C-alpha atoms as a PDB file:
ATOM      1  CA  MET A   1      -5.258 -18.489  -5.494  1.00  0.00           C
ATOM      2  CA  PHE A   2      -4.527 -16.413  -2.380  1.00  0.00           C
ATOM      3  CA  HIS A   3      -7.216 -18.283  -0.410  1.00  0.00           C
ATOM      4  CA  GLN A   4      -5.461 -21.593  -1.036  1.00  0.00           C
ATOM      5  CA  THR A   5      -2.121 -20.015  -0.226  1.00  0.00           C
ATOM      6  CA  SER A   6      -3.587 -18.670   3.021  1.00  0.00           C
ATOM      7  CA  LEU A   7      -4.776 -22.145   3.959  1.00  0.00           C
ATOM      8  CA  ARG A   8      -1.380 -23.672   3.213  1.00  0.00           C
ATOM      9  CA  LEU A   9       0.383 -20.974   5.216  1.00  0.00           C
ATOM     10  CA  THR A  10      -2.144 -21.470   8.018  1.00  0.00           C
ATOM     11  CA  GLY A  11      -1.335 -25.175   8.028  1.00  0.00           C
ATOM     12  CA  LEU A  12       2.373 -24.407   8.173  1.00  0.00           C
ATOM     13  CA  TYR A  13       1.963 -22.008  11.096  1.00  0.00           C
ATOM     14  CA  LEU A  14      -0.349 -24.437  12.883  1.00  0.00           C
ATOM     15  CA  GLY A  15       2.073 -27.311  12.350  1.00  0.00           C
ATOM     16  CA  ILE A  16       4.948 -25.317  13.825  1.00  0.00           C
ATOM     17  CA  ILE A  17       2.892 -24.228  16.840  1.00  0.00           C
ATOM     18  CA  MET A  18       1.583 -27.751  17.494  1.00  0.00           C
ATOM     19  CA  ALA A  19       5.060 -29.257  17.132  1.00  0.00           C
ATOM     20  CA  ILE A  20       6.324 -26.865  19.785  1.00  0.00           C
ATOM     21  CA  SER A  21       3.272 -27.546  21.961  1.00  0.00           C
ATOM     22  CA  ILE A  22       3.684 -31.341  21.715  1.00  0.00           C
ATOM     23  CA  PHE A  23       7.405 -31.050  22.452  1.00  0.00           C
ATOM     24  CA  PHE A  24       6.747 -29.106  25.647  1.00  0.00           C
ATOM     25  CA  SER A  25       3.851 -31.437  26.530  1.00  0.00           C
ATOM     26  CA  VAL A  26       6.142 -34.465  26.340  1.00  0.00           C
ATOM     27  CA  ALA A  27       8.762 -32.642  28.398  1.00  0.00           C
ATOM     28  CA  LEU A  28       6.125 -31.625  30.945  1.00  0.00           C
ATOM     29  CA  TYR A  29       4.772 -35.172  31.098  1.00  0.00           C
ATOM     30  CA  ASN A  30       8.226 -36.640  31.722  1.00  0.00           C
ATOM     31  CA  LEU A  31       8.981 -34.017  34.342  1.00  0.00           C
ATOM     32  CA  SER A  32       5.641 -34.552  36.086  1.00  0.00           C
ATOM     33  CA  MET A  33       5.983 -38.326  36.182  1.00  0.00           C
ATOM     34  CA  HIS A  34       9.556 -38.019  37.364  1.00  0.00           C
ATOM     35  CA  GLU A  35       8.387 -35.872  40.290  1.00  0.00           C
ATOM     36  CA  VAL A  36       5.623 -38.411  41.019  1.00  0.00           C
ATOM     37  CA  ASP A  37       8.219 -41.220  41.106  1.00  0.00           C
ATOM     38  CA  ARG A  38      10.371 -39.214  43.485  1.00  0.00           C
ATOM     39  CA  GLY A  39       7.375 -38.601  45.710  1.00  0.00           C
ATOM     40  CA  PHE A  40       6.478 -42.308  45.765  1.00  0.00           C
ATOM     41  CA  ASP A  41      10.083 -43.291  46.517  1.00  0.00           C
ATOM     42  CA  ARG A  42      10.181 -40.986  49.525  1.00  0.00           C
ATOM     43  CA  GLN A  43       6.799 -42.248  50.653  1.00  0.00           C
ATOM     44  CA  THR A  44       8.005 -45.857  50.348  1.00  0.00           C
ATOM     45  CA  GLU A  45      11.002 -45.152  52.542  1.00  0.00           C
ATOM     46  CA  VAL A  46       8.784 -43.584  55.223  1.00  0.00           C
ATOM     47  CA  VAL A  47       6.313 -46.519  55.146  1.00  0.00           C
ATOM     48  CA  GLN A  48       9.121 -49.070  55.431  1.00  0.00           C
ATOM     49  CA  ARG A  49      10.644 -47.288  58.410  1.00  0.00           C
ATOM     50  CA  VAL A  50       7.315 -46.966  60.202  1.00  0.00           C
ATOM     51  CA  PHE A  51       5.528 -50.222  59.358  1.00  0.00           C
ATOM     52  CA  GLY A  52       8.397 -52.438  58.396  1.00  0.00           C
ATOM     53  CA  SER A  53       8.856 -54.350  55.179  1.00  0.00           C
ATOM     54  CA  GLY A  54       6.709 -57.430  55.547  1.00  0.00           C
ATOM     55  CA  PRO A  55       5.790 -59.284  52.347  1.00  0.00           C
ATOM     56  CA  PHE A  56       2.060 -58.753  52.711  1.00  0.00           C
ATOM     57  CA  ARG A  57       2.320 -55.085  53.509  1.00  0.00           C
ATOM     58  CA  GLN A  58       4.888 -54.522  50.773  1.00  0.00           C
ATOM     59  CA  GLN A  59       2.744 -56.238  48.130  1.00  0.00           C
ATOM     60  CA  SER A  60      -0.352 -54.316  49.202  1.00  0.00           C
ATOM     61  CA  TYR A  61       1.504 -51.027  49.146  1.00  0.00           C
ATOM     62  CA  ILE A  62       3.000 -51.708  45.721  1.00  0.00           C
ATOM     63  CA  GLN A  63      -0.464 -52.458  44.320  1.00  0.00           C
ATOM     64  CA  GLN A  64      -1.892 -49.269  45.768  1.00  0.00           C
ATOM     65  CA  ARG A  65       1.066 -47.340  44.478  1.00  0.00           C
ATOM     66  CA  GLU A  66       0.591 -48.654  40.930  1.00  0.00           C
ATOM     67  CA  ASP A  67      -3.128 -47.806  41.024  1.00  0.00           C
ATOM     68  CA  ILE A  68      -2.427 -44.271  42.185  1.00  0.00           C
ATOM     69  CA  TYR A  69       0.422 -43.915  39.688  1.00  0.00           C
ATOM     70  CA  ASN A  70      -1.830 -45.006  36.807  1.00  0.00           C
ATOM     71  CA  ASP A  71      -4.545 -42.604  37.932  1.00  0.00           C
ATOM     72  CA  ILE A  72      -2.088 -39.724  38.063  1.00  0.00           C
ATOM     73  CA  ARG A  73      -0.599 -40.618  34.693  1.00  0.00           C
ATOM     74  CA  GLY A  74      -4.030 -40.840  33.090  1.00  0.00           C
ATOM     75  CA  HIS A  75      -5.026 -37.516  34.622  1.00  0.00           C
ATOM     76  CA  VAL A  76      -1.839 -35.829  33.394  1.00  0.00           C
ATOM     77  CA  ILE A  77      -2.261 -37.246  29.891  1.00  0.00           C
ATOM     78  CA  ALA A  78      -5.902 -36.165  29.772  1.00  0.00           C
ATOM     79  CA  GLN A  79      -5.008 -32.659  30.909  1.00  0.00           C
ATOM     80  CA  LEU A  80      -2.203 -32.373  28.371  1.00  0.00           C
ATOM     81  CA  ILE A  81      -4.471 -33.592  25.560  1.00  0.00           C
ATOM     82  CA  PHE A  82      -7.138 -31.099  26.569  1.00  0.00           C
ATOM     83  CA  ILE A  83      -4.614 -28.267  26.693  1.00  0.00           C
ATOM     84  CA  ASN A  84      -3.211 -29.219  23.282  1.00  0.00           C
ATOM     85  CA  LEU A  85      -6.701 -29.296  21.785  1.00  0.00           C
ATOM     86  CA  LEU A  86      -7.330 -25.797  23.126  1.00  0.00           C
ATOM     87  CA  ILE A  87      -3.980 -24.680  21.741  1.00  0.00           C
ATOM     88  CA  MET A  88      -4.778 -26.238  18.388  1.00  0.00           C
ATOM     89  CA  VAL A  89      -8.125 -24.439  18.123  1.00  0.00           C
ATOM     90  CA  GLY A  90      -6.704 -21.111  19.253  1.00  0.00           C
ATOM     91  CA  ALA A  91      -3.596 -21.530  17.136  1.00  0.00           C
ATOM     92  CA  GLY A  92      -5.758 -22.366  14.121  1.00  0.00           C
ATOM     93  CA  PHE A  93      -7.567 -19.038  14.292  1.00  0.00           C
ATOM     94  CA  LEU A  94      -4.349 -17.193  15.091  1.00  0.00           C
ATOM     95  CA  SER A  95      -2.494 -18.925  12.247  1.00  0.00           C
ATOM     96  CA  TYR A  96      -5.187 -18.007   9.742  1.00  0.00           C
ATOM     97  CA  TYR A  97      -5.146 -14.396  10.940  1.00  0.00           C
ATOM     98  CA  LEU A  98      -1.365 -14.232  10.655  1.00  0.00           C
ATOM     99  CA  ALA A  99      -1.461 -15.893   7.225  1.00  0.00           C
ATOM    100  CA  ARG A 100      -3.996 -13.378   5.932  1.00  0.00           C
ATOM    101  CA  ARG A 101      -2.009 -10.522   7.476  1.00  0.00           C
ATOM    102  CA  THR A 102       1.193 -11.801   5.911  1.00  0.00           C
ATOM    103  CA  LEU A 103      -0.314 -12.247   2.456  1.00  0.00           C
ATOM    104  CA  LYS A 104      -2.407  -9.069   2.430  1.00  0.00           C
ATOM    105  CA  PRO A 105       0.388  -6.756   1.154  1.00  0.00           C
ATOM    106  CA  ILE A 106       1.323  -9.341  -1.481  1.00  0.00           C
ATOM    107  CA  GLU A 107      -2.308  -9.720  -2.534  1.00  0.00           C
ATOM    108  CA  GLU A 108      -2.786  -5.953  -2.732  1.00  0.00           C
ATOM    109  CA  ALA A 109       0.407  -5.589  -4.766  1.00  0.00           C
ATOM    110  CA  HIS A 110      -0.718  -8.375  -7.088  1.00  0.00           C
ATOM    111  CA  GLN A 111      -4.113  -6.757  -7.566  1.00  0.00           C
ATOM    112  CA  ALA A 112      -2.506  -3.369  -8.172  1.00  0.00           C
ATOM    113  CA  GLN A 113      -0.148  -4.909 -10.721  1.00  0.00           C
ATOM    114  CA  SER A 114      -3.050  -6.635 -12.456  1.00  0.00           C
ATOM    115  CA  ARG A 115      -5.029  -3.387 -12.602  1.00  0.00           C
ATOM    116  CA  PHE A 116      -1.968  -1.526 -13.807  1.00  0.00           C
ATOM    117  CA  THR A 117      -1.316  -4.044 -16.567  1.00  0.00           C
ATOM    118  CA  ALA A 118      -4.953  -4.032 -17.682  1.00  0.00           C
ATOM    119  CA  ASP A 119      -5.174  -0.232 -17.610  1.00  0.00           C
ATOM    120  CA  ALA A 120      -1.864   0.218 -19.420  1.00  0.00           C
ATOM    121  CA  SER A 121      -2.908  -2.268 -22.099  1.00  0.00           C
ATOM    122  CA  HIS A 122      -6.202  -0.440 -22.558  1.00  0.00           C
ATOM    123  CA  GLU A 123      -4.599   2.991 -22.745  1.00  0.00           C
ATOM    124  CA  LEU A 124      -1.988   1.774 -25.230  1.00  0.00           C
ATOM    125  CA  ARG A 125      -4.540  -0.033 -27.348  1.00  0.00           C
ATOM    126  CA  THR A 126      -6.868   2.968 -27.708  1.00  0.00           C
ATOM    127  CA  PRO A 127      -4.589   5.296 -29.745  1.00  0.00           C
ATOM    128  CA  ILE A 128      -3.184   2.382 -31.727  1.00  0.00           C
ATOM    129  CA  THR A 129      -6.685   1.270 -32.676  1.00  0.00           C
ATOM    130  CA  ALA A 130      -7.620   4.832 -33.612  1.00  0.00           C
ATOM    131  CA  MET A 131      -4.575   5.200 -35.875  1.00  0.00           C
ATOM    132  CA  ARG A 132      -5.184   1.832 -37.514  1.00  0.00           C
ATOM    133  CA  THR A 133      -8.823   2.625 -38.239  1.00  0.00           C
ATOM    134  CA  GLU A 134      -8.032   6.065 -39.663  1.00  0.00           C
ATOM    135  CA  ILE A 135      -5.235   4.692 -41.830  1.00  0.00           C
ATOM    136  CA  GLU A 136      -7.392   1.857 -43.171  1.00  0.00           C
ATOM    137  CA  VAL A 137     -10.210   4.266 -44.036  1.00  0.00           C
ATOM    138  CA  THR A 138      -7.781   6.649 -45.725  1.00  0.00           C
ATOM    139  CA  LEU A 139      -6.092   3.921 -47.761  1.00  0.00           C
ATOM    140  CA  SER A 140      -9.447   2.553 -48.911  1.00  0.00           C
ATOM    141  CA  ASP A 141     -10.311   5.908 -50.515  1.00  0.00           C
ATOM    142  CA  PRO A 142      -9.326   5.714 -54.216  1.00  0.00           C
ATOM    143  CA  LYS A 143      -9.730   9.496 -54.586  1.00  0.00           C
ATOM    144  CA  LEU A 144      -7.485  10.439 -51.730  1.00  0.00           C
ATOM    145  CA  LYS A 145      -6.218  14.012 -52.027  1.00  0.00           C
ATOM    146  CA  LEU A 146      -2.937  15.402 -50.757  1.00  0.00           C
ATOM    147  CA  ALA A 147      -4.714  17.672 -48.254  1.00  0.00           C
ATOM    148  CA  ASP A 148      -6.651  14.727 -46.846  1.00  0.00           C
ATOM    149  CA  ALA A 149      -3.450  12.703 -46.568  1.00  0.00           C
ATOM    150  CA  LYS A 150      -1.773  15.547 -44.654  1.00  0.00           C
ATOM    151  CA  ASP A 151      -4.765  15.769 -42.307  1.00  0.00           C
ATOM    152  CA  GLN A 152      -4.491  12.052 -41.713  1.00  0.00           C
ATOM    153  CA  LEU A 153      -0.783  12.286 -40.968  1.00  0.00           C
ATOM    154  CA  GLN A 154      -1.467  15.159 -38.587  1.00  0.00           C
ATOM    155  CA  SER A 155      -4.081  13.081 -36.777  1.00  0.00           C
ATOM    156  CA  ASN A 156      -1.670  10.168 -36.536  1.00  0.00           C
ATOM    157  CA  LEU A 157       0.990  12.518 -35.183  1.00  0.00           C
ATOM    158  CA  GLU A 158      -1.395  13.599 -32.408  1.00  0.00           C
ATOM    159  CA  GLU A 159      -2.033   9.978 -31.478  1.00  0.00           C
ATOM    160  CA  LEU A 160       1.714   9.339 -31.456  1.00  0.00           C
ATOM    161  CA  ASP A 161       2.149  12.294 -29.096  1.00  0.00           C
ATOM    162  CA  LYS A 162      -0.370  10.657 -26.761  1.00  0.00           C
ATOM    163  CA  LEU A 163       1.530   7.373 -26.917  1.00  0.00           C
ATOM    164  CA  THR A 164       4.779   9.207 -26.203  1.00  0.00           C
ATOM    165  CA  ALA A 165       3.264  10.959 -23.181  1.00  0.00           C
ATOM    166  CA  LEU A 166       1.880   7.678 -21.906  1.00  0.00           C
ATOM    167  CA  SER A 167       5.150   5.781 -22.344  1.00  0.00           C
ATOM    168  CA  GLU A 168       7.088   8.585 -20.643  1.00  0.00           C
ATOM    169  CA  GLY A 169       4.662   8.507 -17.718  1.00  0.00           C
ATOM    170  CA  LEU A 170       4.969   4.750 -17.378  1.00  0.00           C
ATOM    171  CA  LEU A 171       8.751   4.973 -17.600  1.00  0.00           C
ATOM    172  CA  ARG A 172       8.806   7.693 -14.934  1.00  0.00           C
ATOM    173  CA  LEU A 173       6.728   5.525 -12.584  1.00  0.00           C
ATOM    174  CA  ALA A 174       9.071   2.583 -13.142  1.00  0.00           C
ATOM    175  CA  GLN A 175      12.118   4.775 -12.470  1.00  0.00           C
ATOM    176  CA  LEU A 176      10.639   6.107  -9.241  1.00  0.00           C
ATOM    177  CA  GLU A 177       9.833   2.609  -7.970  1.00  0.00           C
ATOM    178  CA  ALA A 178      13.302   1.303  -8.787  1.00  0.00           C
ATOM    179  CA  SER A 179      15.458   4.149  -7.532  1.00  0.00           C
ATOM    180  CA  ASP A 180      16.141   6.320  -4.524  1.00  0.00           C
ATOM    181  CA  LEU A 181      16.118  10.072  -5.118  1.00  0.00           C
ATOM    182  CA  PRO A 182      19.156  12.062  -3.902  1.00  0.00           C
ATOM    183  CA  LYS A 183      18.292  14.350  -1.002  1.00  0.00           C
ATOM    184  CA  GLU A 184      19.672  17.684   0.093  1.00  0.00           C
ATOM    185  CA  ALA A 185      18.446  20.886   1.711  1.00  0.00           C
ATOM    186  CA  VAL A 186      16.043  22.604  -0.695  1.00  0.00           C
ATOM    187  CA  SER A 187      14.559  26.072  -0.272  1.00  0.00           C
ATOM    188  CA  VAL A 188      10.772  25.860  -0.291  1.00  0.00           C
ATOM    189  CA  HIS A 189      10.554  29.377  -1.746  1.00  0.00           C
ATOM    190  CA  THR A 190      12.799  28.377  -4.656  1.00  0.00           C
ATOM    191  CA  LEU A 191      10.844  25.156  -5.116  1.00  0.00           C
ATOM    192  CA  VAL A 192       7.460  26.895  -5.240  1.00  0.00           C
ATOM    193  CA  GLN A 193       8.690  29.702  -7.462  1.00  0.00           C
ATOM    194  CA  ALA A 194      10.129  27.249  -9.987  1.00  0.00           C
ATOM    195  CA  ALA A 195       6.844  25.326 -10.092  1.00  0.00           C
ATOM    196  CA  VAL A 196       4.776  28.513 -10.453  1.00  0.00           C
ATOM    197  CA  ASP A 197       6.974  29.734 -13.312  1.00  0.00           C
ATOM    198  CA  ARG A 198       6.351  26.492 -15.181  1.00  0.00           C
ATOM    199  CA  VAL A 199       2.540  26.712 -14.930  1.00  0.00           C
ATOM    200  CA  LEU A 200       2.240  30.433 -15.743  1.00  0.00           C
ATOM    201  CA  PRO A 201       2.012  29.773 -19.515  1.00  0.00           C
ATOM    202  CA  LEU A 202      -1.140  27.756 -18.783  1.00  0.00           C
ATOM    203  CA  ALA A 203      -2.555  30.267 -16.290  1.00  0.00           C
ATOM    204  CA  GLU A 204      -2.028  33.477 -18.292  1.00  0.00           C
ATOM    205  CA  PRO A 205      -4.367  32.678 -21.221  1.00  0.00           C
ATOM    206  CA  LYS A 206      -7.156  32.004 -18.679  1.00  0.00           C
ATOM    207  CA  HIS A 207      -6.240  35.162 -16.721  1.00  0.00           C
ATOM    208  CA  ASN A 208      -5.838  33.021 -13.605  1.00  0.00           C
ATOM    209  CA  LEU A 209      -3.908  34.444 -10.669  1.00  0.00           C
ATOM    210  CA  VAL A 210      -1.374  32.158  -9.004  1.00  0.00           C
ATOM    211  CA  SER A 211      -0.556  33.658  -5.605  1.00  0.00           C
ATOM    212  CA  GLN A 212       1.961  32.312  -3.123  1.00  0.00           C
ATOM    213  CA  SER A 213       2.758  32.768   0.543  1.00  0.00           C
ATOM    214  CA  VAL A 214       6.015  31.004   1.372  1.00  0.00           C
ATOM    215  CA  PRO A 215       8.499  31.829   4.164  1.00  0.00           C
ATOM    216  CA  ALA A 216      11.915  32.661   2.777  1.00  0.00           C
ATOM    217  CA  ASP A 217      13.857  30.540   5.272  1.00  0.00           C
ATOM    218  CA  ALA A 218      11.834  27.298   5.059  1.00  0.00           C
ATOM    219  CA  GLN A 219      13.790  24.296   3.803  1.00  0.00           C
ATOM    220  CA  VAL A 220      12.938  20.668   3.145  1.00  0.00           C
ATOM    221  CA  LEU A 221      15.130  17.622   2.668  1.00  0.00           C
ATOM    222  CA  GLY A 222      14.807  16.202  -0.820  1.00  0.00           C
ATOM    223  CA  ASP A 223      15.574  16.269  -4.511  1.00  0.00           C
ATOM    224  CA  GLN A 224      14.747  19.664  -5.999  1.00  0.00           C
ATOM    225  CA  ALA A 225      13.983  18.376  -9.499  1.00  0.00           C
ATOM    226  CA  GLY A 226      11.692  15.624  -8.222  1.00  0.00           C
ATOM    227  CA  LEU A 227       9.837  17.872  -5.764  1.00  0.00           C
ATOM    228  CA  THR A 228       9.428  20.546  -8.444  1.00  0.00           C
ATOM    229  CA  GLU A 229       7.925  17.917 -10.740  1.00  0.00           C
ATOM    230  CA  ALA A 230       5.435  16.861  -8.062  1.00  0.00           C
ATOM    231  CA  LEU A 231       4.426  20.437  -7.259  1.00  0.00           C
ATOM    232  CA  VAL A 232       4.115  21.319 -10.954  1.00  0.00           C
ATOM    233  CA  THR A 233       1.701  18.407 -11.393  1.00  0.00           C
ATOM    234  CA  VAL A 234      -0.481  19.648  -8.528  1.00  0.00           C
ATOM    235  CA  LEU A 235      -0.381  23.271  -9.736  1.00  0.00           C
ATOM    236  CA  ASP A 236      -1.018  22.219 -13.325  1.00  0.00           C
ATOM    237  CA  ASN A 237      -4.178  20.381 -12.276  1.00  0.00           C
ATOM    238  CA  ALA A 238      -5.289  23.324 -10.137  1.00  0.00           C
ATOM    239  CA  VAL A 239      -4.912  25.780 -13.030  1.00  0.00           C
ATOM    240  CA  LYS A 240      -6.269  23.397 -15.629  1.00  0.00           C
ATOM    241  CA  TYR A 241      -9.508  22.698 -13.771  1.00  0.00           C
ATOM    242  CA  SER A 242     -10.069  26.232 -12.468  1.00  0.00           C
ATOM    243  CA  PRO A 243     -12.490  28.604 -14.233  1.00  0.00           C
ATOM    244  CA  LYS A 244     -11.185  31.677 -16.001  1.00  0.00           C
ATOM    245  CA  LYS A 245     -10.205  34.700 -13.889  1.00  0.00           C
ATOM    246  CA  SER A 246     -10.026  32.597 -10.732  1.00  0.00           C
ATOM    247  CA  GLN A 247      -7.241  32.281  -8.195  1.00  0.00           C
ATOM    248  CA  VAL A 248      -4.904  29.414  -7.313  1.00  0.00           C
ATOM    249  CA  THR A 249      -3.198  29.828  -3.951  1.00  0.00           C
ATOM    250  CA  VAL A 250       0.041  28.208  -2.786  1.00  0.00           C
ATOM    251  CA  VAL A 251       0.795  28.445   0.935  1.00  0.00           C
ATOM    252  CA  ALA A 252       3.736  26.914   2.824  1.00  0.00           C
ATOM    253  CA  LYS A 253       3.851  26.712   6.631  1.00  0.00           C
ATOM    254  CA  PRO A 254       6.644  25.147   8.720  1.00  0.00           C
ATOM    255  CA  GLY A 255       5.521  22.567  11.272  1.00  0.00           C
ATOM    256  CA  ARG A 256       7.386  20.818  14.077  1.00  0.00           C
ATOM    257  CA  GLY A 257       9.296  18.417  11.895  1.00  0.00           C
ATOM    258  CA  ASP A 258       7.905  19.135   8.464  1.00  0.00           C
ATOM    259  CA  VAL A 259       6.779  21.805   6.033  1.00  0.00           C
ATOM    260  CA  ILE A 260       3.164  21.840   4.862  1.00  0.00           C
ATOM    261  CA  ILE A 261       2.490  23.069   1.309  1.00  0.00           C
ATOM    262  CA  THR A 262      -1.137  23.564   0.297  1.00  0.00           C
ATOM    263  CA  VAL A 263      -2.433  24.271  -3.194  1.00  0.00           C
ATOM    264  CA  THR A 264      -6.026  25.530  -3.328  1.00  0.00           C
ATOM    265  CA  ASP A 265      -8.099  26.167  -6.454  1.00  0.00           C
ATOM    266  CA  GLN A 266     -11.610  27.452  -7.122  1.00  0.00           C
ATOM    267  CA  GLY A 267     -12.569  24.727  -9.569  1.00  0.00           C
ATOM    268  CA  PRO A 268     -15.699  22.561  -9.689  1.00  0.00           C
ATOM    269  CA  GLY A 269     -14.319  20.223  -7.037  1.00  0.00           C
ATOM    270  CA  ILE A 270     -14.279  16.445  -6.784  1.00  0.00           C
ATOM    271  CA  SER A 271     -17.084  14.264  -5.485  1.00  0.00           C
ATOM    272  CA  GLU A 272     -16.735  12.363  -2.237  1.00  0.00           C
ATOM    273  CA  GLU A 273     -16.862   9.037  -4.095  1.00  0.00           C
ATOM    274  CA  GLU A 274     -14.057   9.955  -6.491  1.00  0.00           C
ATOM    275  CA  LEU A 275     -11.746  11.759  -4.061  1.00  0.00           C
ATOM    276  CA  PRO A 276     -10.089   8.611  -2.552  1.00  0.00           C
ATOM    277  CA  HIS A 277      -9.082   7.417  -6.048  1.00  0.00           C
ATOM    278  CA  ILE A 278      -7.468  10.498  -7.597  1.00  0.00           C
ATOM    279  CA  PHE A 279      -3.933   9.324  -6.757  1.00  0.00           C
ATOM    280  CA  GLU A 280      -4.471   5.927  -8.386  1.00  0.00           C
ATOM    281  CA  ARG A 281      -2.801   5.205 -11.691  1.00  0.00           C
ATOM    282  CA  PHE A 282      -4.936   5.823 -14.777  1.00  0.00           C
ATOM    283  CA  TYR A 283      -7.786   7.183 -12.669  1.00  0.00           C
ATOM    284  CA  ARG A 284      -9.682  10.049 -14.257  1.00  0.00           C
ATOM    285  CA  ALA A 285     -12.817  11.350 -12.613  1.00  0.00           C
ATOM    286  CA  ASP A 286     -16.014  11.318 -14.624  1.00  0.00           C
ATOM    287  CA  SER A 287     -17.419  14.437 -12.993  1.00  0.00           C
ATOM    288  CA  SER A 288     -17.593  17.920 -14.480  1.00  0.00           C
ATOM    289  CA  ARG A 289     -14.029  18.463 -13.313  1.00  0.00           C
ATOM    290  CA  THR A 290     -12.729  16.602 -16.370  1.00  0.00           C
ATOM    291  CA  LYS A 291     -15.015  18.141 -18.955  1.00  0.00           C
ATOM    292  CA  GLY A 292     -13.585  20.617 -21.388  1.00  0.00           C
ATOM    293  CA  THR A 293      -9.983  20.011 -20.340  1.00  0.00           C
ATOM    294  CA  THR A 294      -6.998  18.562 -22.110  1.00  0.00           C
ATOM    295  CA  ASP A 295      -6.684  14.837 -22.326  1.00  0.00           C
ATOM    296  CA  GLY A 296      -4.563  12.915 -19.853  1.00  0.00           C
ATOM    297  CA  TYR A 297      -3.887   9.396 -18.708  1.00  0.00           C
ATOM    298  CA  GLY A 298      -4.302   9.839 -14.962  1.00  0.00           C
ATOM    299  CA  LEU A 299      -0.604   9.295 -14.223  1.00  0.00           C
ATOM    300  CA  GLY A 300       0.381  12.767 -13.017  1.00  0.00           C
ATOM    301  CA  LEU A 301      -0.919  12.578  -9.465  1.00  0.00           C
ATOM    302  CA  ALA A 302       0.277   8.976  -9.131  1.00  0.00           C
ATOM    303  CA  ILE A 303       3.790  10.142 -10.064  1.00  0.00           C
ATOM    304  CA  ALA A 304       3.521  13.100  -7.661  1.00  0.00           C
ATOM    305  CA  GLN A 305       2.448  10.766  -4.845  1.00  0.00           C
ATOM    306  CA  ASN A 306       5.371   8.429  -5.506  1.00  0.00           C
ATOM    307  CA  ILE A 307       7.840  11.331  -5.450  1.00  0.00           C
ATOM    308  CA  VAL A 308       6.460  12.723  -2.191  1.00  0.00           C
ATOM    309  CA  GLN A 309       6.421   9.300  -0.532  1.00  0.00           C
ATOM    310  CA  LEU A 310      10.027   8.661  -1.608  1.00  0.00           C
ATOM    311  CA  HIS A 311      10.889  11.802   0.362  1.00  0.00           C
ATOM    312  CA  GLY A 312       9.190  10.433   3.463  1.00  0.00           C
ATOM    313  CA  GLY A 313       6.255  12.812   3.071  1.00  0.00           C
ATOM    314  CA  SER A 314       2.567  12.542   2.332  1.00  0.00           C
ATOM    315  CA  ILE A 315       0.097  14.054  -0.108  1.00  0.00           C
ATOM    316  CA  THR A 316      -3.647  14.308   0.466  1.00  0.00           C
ATOM    317  CA  ALA A 317      -6.608  16.090  -1.085  1.00  0.00           C
ATOM    318  CA  GLU A 318      -9.761  17.678   0.285  1.00  0.00           C
ATOM    319  CA  SER A 319     -12.593  18.697  -1.982  1.00  0.00           C
ATOM    320  CA  SER A 320     -16.328  18.965  -2.438  1.00  0.00           C
ATOM    321  CA  LEU A 321     -18.375  19.682  -5.527  1.00  0.00           C
ATOM    322  CA  GLY A 322     -18.668  23.369  -6.314  1.00  0.00           C
ATOM    323  CA  LYS A 323     -16.205  24.440  -3.616  1.00  0.00           C
ATOM    324  CA  GLY A 324     -12.797  23.820  -5.141  1.00  0.00           C
ATOM    325  CA  THR A 325      -9.991  21.466  -4.136  1.00  0.00           C
ATOM    326  CA  THR A 326      -7.093  21.704  -1.706  1.00  0.00           C
ATOM    327  CA  VAL A 327      -4.057  19.437  -2.097  1.00  0.00           C
ATOM    328  CA  THR A 328      -1.748  19.227   0.918  1.00  0.00           C
ATOM    329  CA  ILE A 329       1.869  18.085   0.672  1.00  0.00           C
ATOM    330  CA  SER A 330       3.842  17.371   3.825  1.00  0.00           C
ATOM    331  CA  LEU A 331       7.646  17.138   3.519  1.00  0.00           C
ATOM    332  CA  PRO A 332      10.284  16.602   6.231  1.00  0.00           C
ATOM    333  CA  LYS A 333      12.352  19.634   7.209  1.00  0.00           C
ATOM    334  CA  ALA A 334      15.986  19.812   6.210  1.00  0.00           C
END
């Protein structure tokens, strides 16, 4: 579909360029021939003054003038045609390049939307299918006991919790893409402390230490609730995937025009192949990093990335297997 659209857009660009080229070629041709006529007129006046205006000489001169005029006109036309052919070839390549460049963001957005729709449909279908199967099996049992029915309801409730978490994540993504977060001066120390407090209930049972080194006077420009949500997501992943009795470190350093916040864990790390995809929606690595952890839908880091980008910042990750992961968030200073 996009290939055909690229060709049509290429044709449109090429048509516009060639129309302009032909317009200027016609104007140049008329101007050139006008100057040739002026030159011949002056030459005719000089010849008449010097040699007179006898019939034989005048007829001979007129014939020579027409021959020269036709030669010049043919040469000008040939040169203009050649130039327009070169322009057409060059403009064809340029038009195709511009068409592809113009459509590339649209194509990428379309592909991302298609992947998002397919992934969302799959993630929604999985718990629904599980509940349907369990309910059908339970209802087909003629000797169903009350305890078994309660277990089934409990299982269905867990699946409904998953659907609720998924729908809330999807709704949050839609809200972030359709709105602009309010921005004000936010203390980085307050921001980090609020995020750490929210992940401590997860860190304490594993006896994980969450340490922080944040300057008291550092401030960023943004929405405190949104930035706290993004940092909580990063810290939650760091604690979740770290081994017991390990340390998660949060460090903030002011830069020239921004503040850099790094979150480092001592977990199993992420492979080089998977690292570029961790901020994609619904992406969950298949490495040992995801084994033995709570279930998720791969929306947390995508939401965190959207929040950071809405603040004019960036979020990146560095990791290698067996050596932990460092997530870096850059936010503009207040």
